[in-house]
């Protein structure tokens, strides 16, 4: 009997160790995902500052793409543009941002206006059904964009920031061993990704490729598309794991 008890204790200890390792891996992956979403949010929200340009110039893009060919191609575009950076680079990128996303001086083609409503409404207008949909989900999570910015809630940067915040809350729940909450938050990420990312980000990225004049922003569009689609499997896998963890906790 003593031997059986010792074997059971050893098995339980091993299972707990494996579970702890799995949770640590989830937290590490989630931290990287949240940081990636925040990086994309910064790239789309406004013209880059000189500090941001300097930071990008100093980055080593090699190996950042993993095995995703489209992200690798995008990083290569960004790197090739930035390797020739000089005192005029920030201004050139600011002009291209205004041209691409704000339609400044753009009279022949449409701009890649980074609002979900523009790409999903029948007339291509802002403040349409998509804005109401994302606003509802923000309210459910008690998350709101900064009010004094006076920017509609379905701006792609706000959507990326929302996902980053919910993923960070998932990590907080994991650290607290609150697997039910972690699962529910992961489900929110899954729902938002399906309803407010996959439905329009490809069209936005296509528009950037059509309109952008610099290789940098064309690279950003490729990185964005690659990451959003890569997230599909990551989100599904994490949700499966969290559902299992929540079930074990309840058992």
Foldseek 3Di string as FASTA:
>chain_A
DVVVVVVVVVVVVVVVVVVVVVLVVLLVVLLVLLVVLLVLLVVQPAQDDPVRLVVLLPDDCPPVVPPQPLLNVLNVLQNVQSPPDDPCVSVVRRVLSCCAQVVVVPDPDDHLPQFQCLQPPPPSDPPDPLLVVVVVLCVVVVHDDDVVVVDGCRRSSNLSNVLSVLSVVLSVCSVVLVLVSNLVSLVSSLVCLVPRPVVPLLVSLVSQCVTGPGSNSVSSSSSSVSVSVVVNVVSVVVSVVSVVSNVVVVD
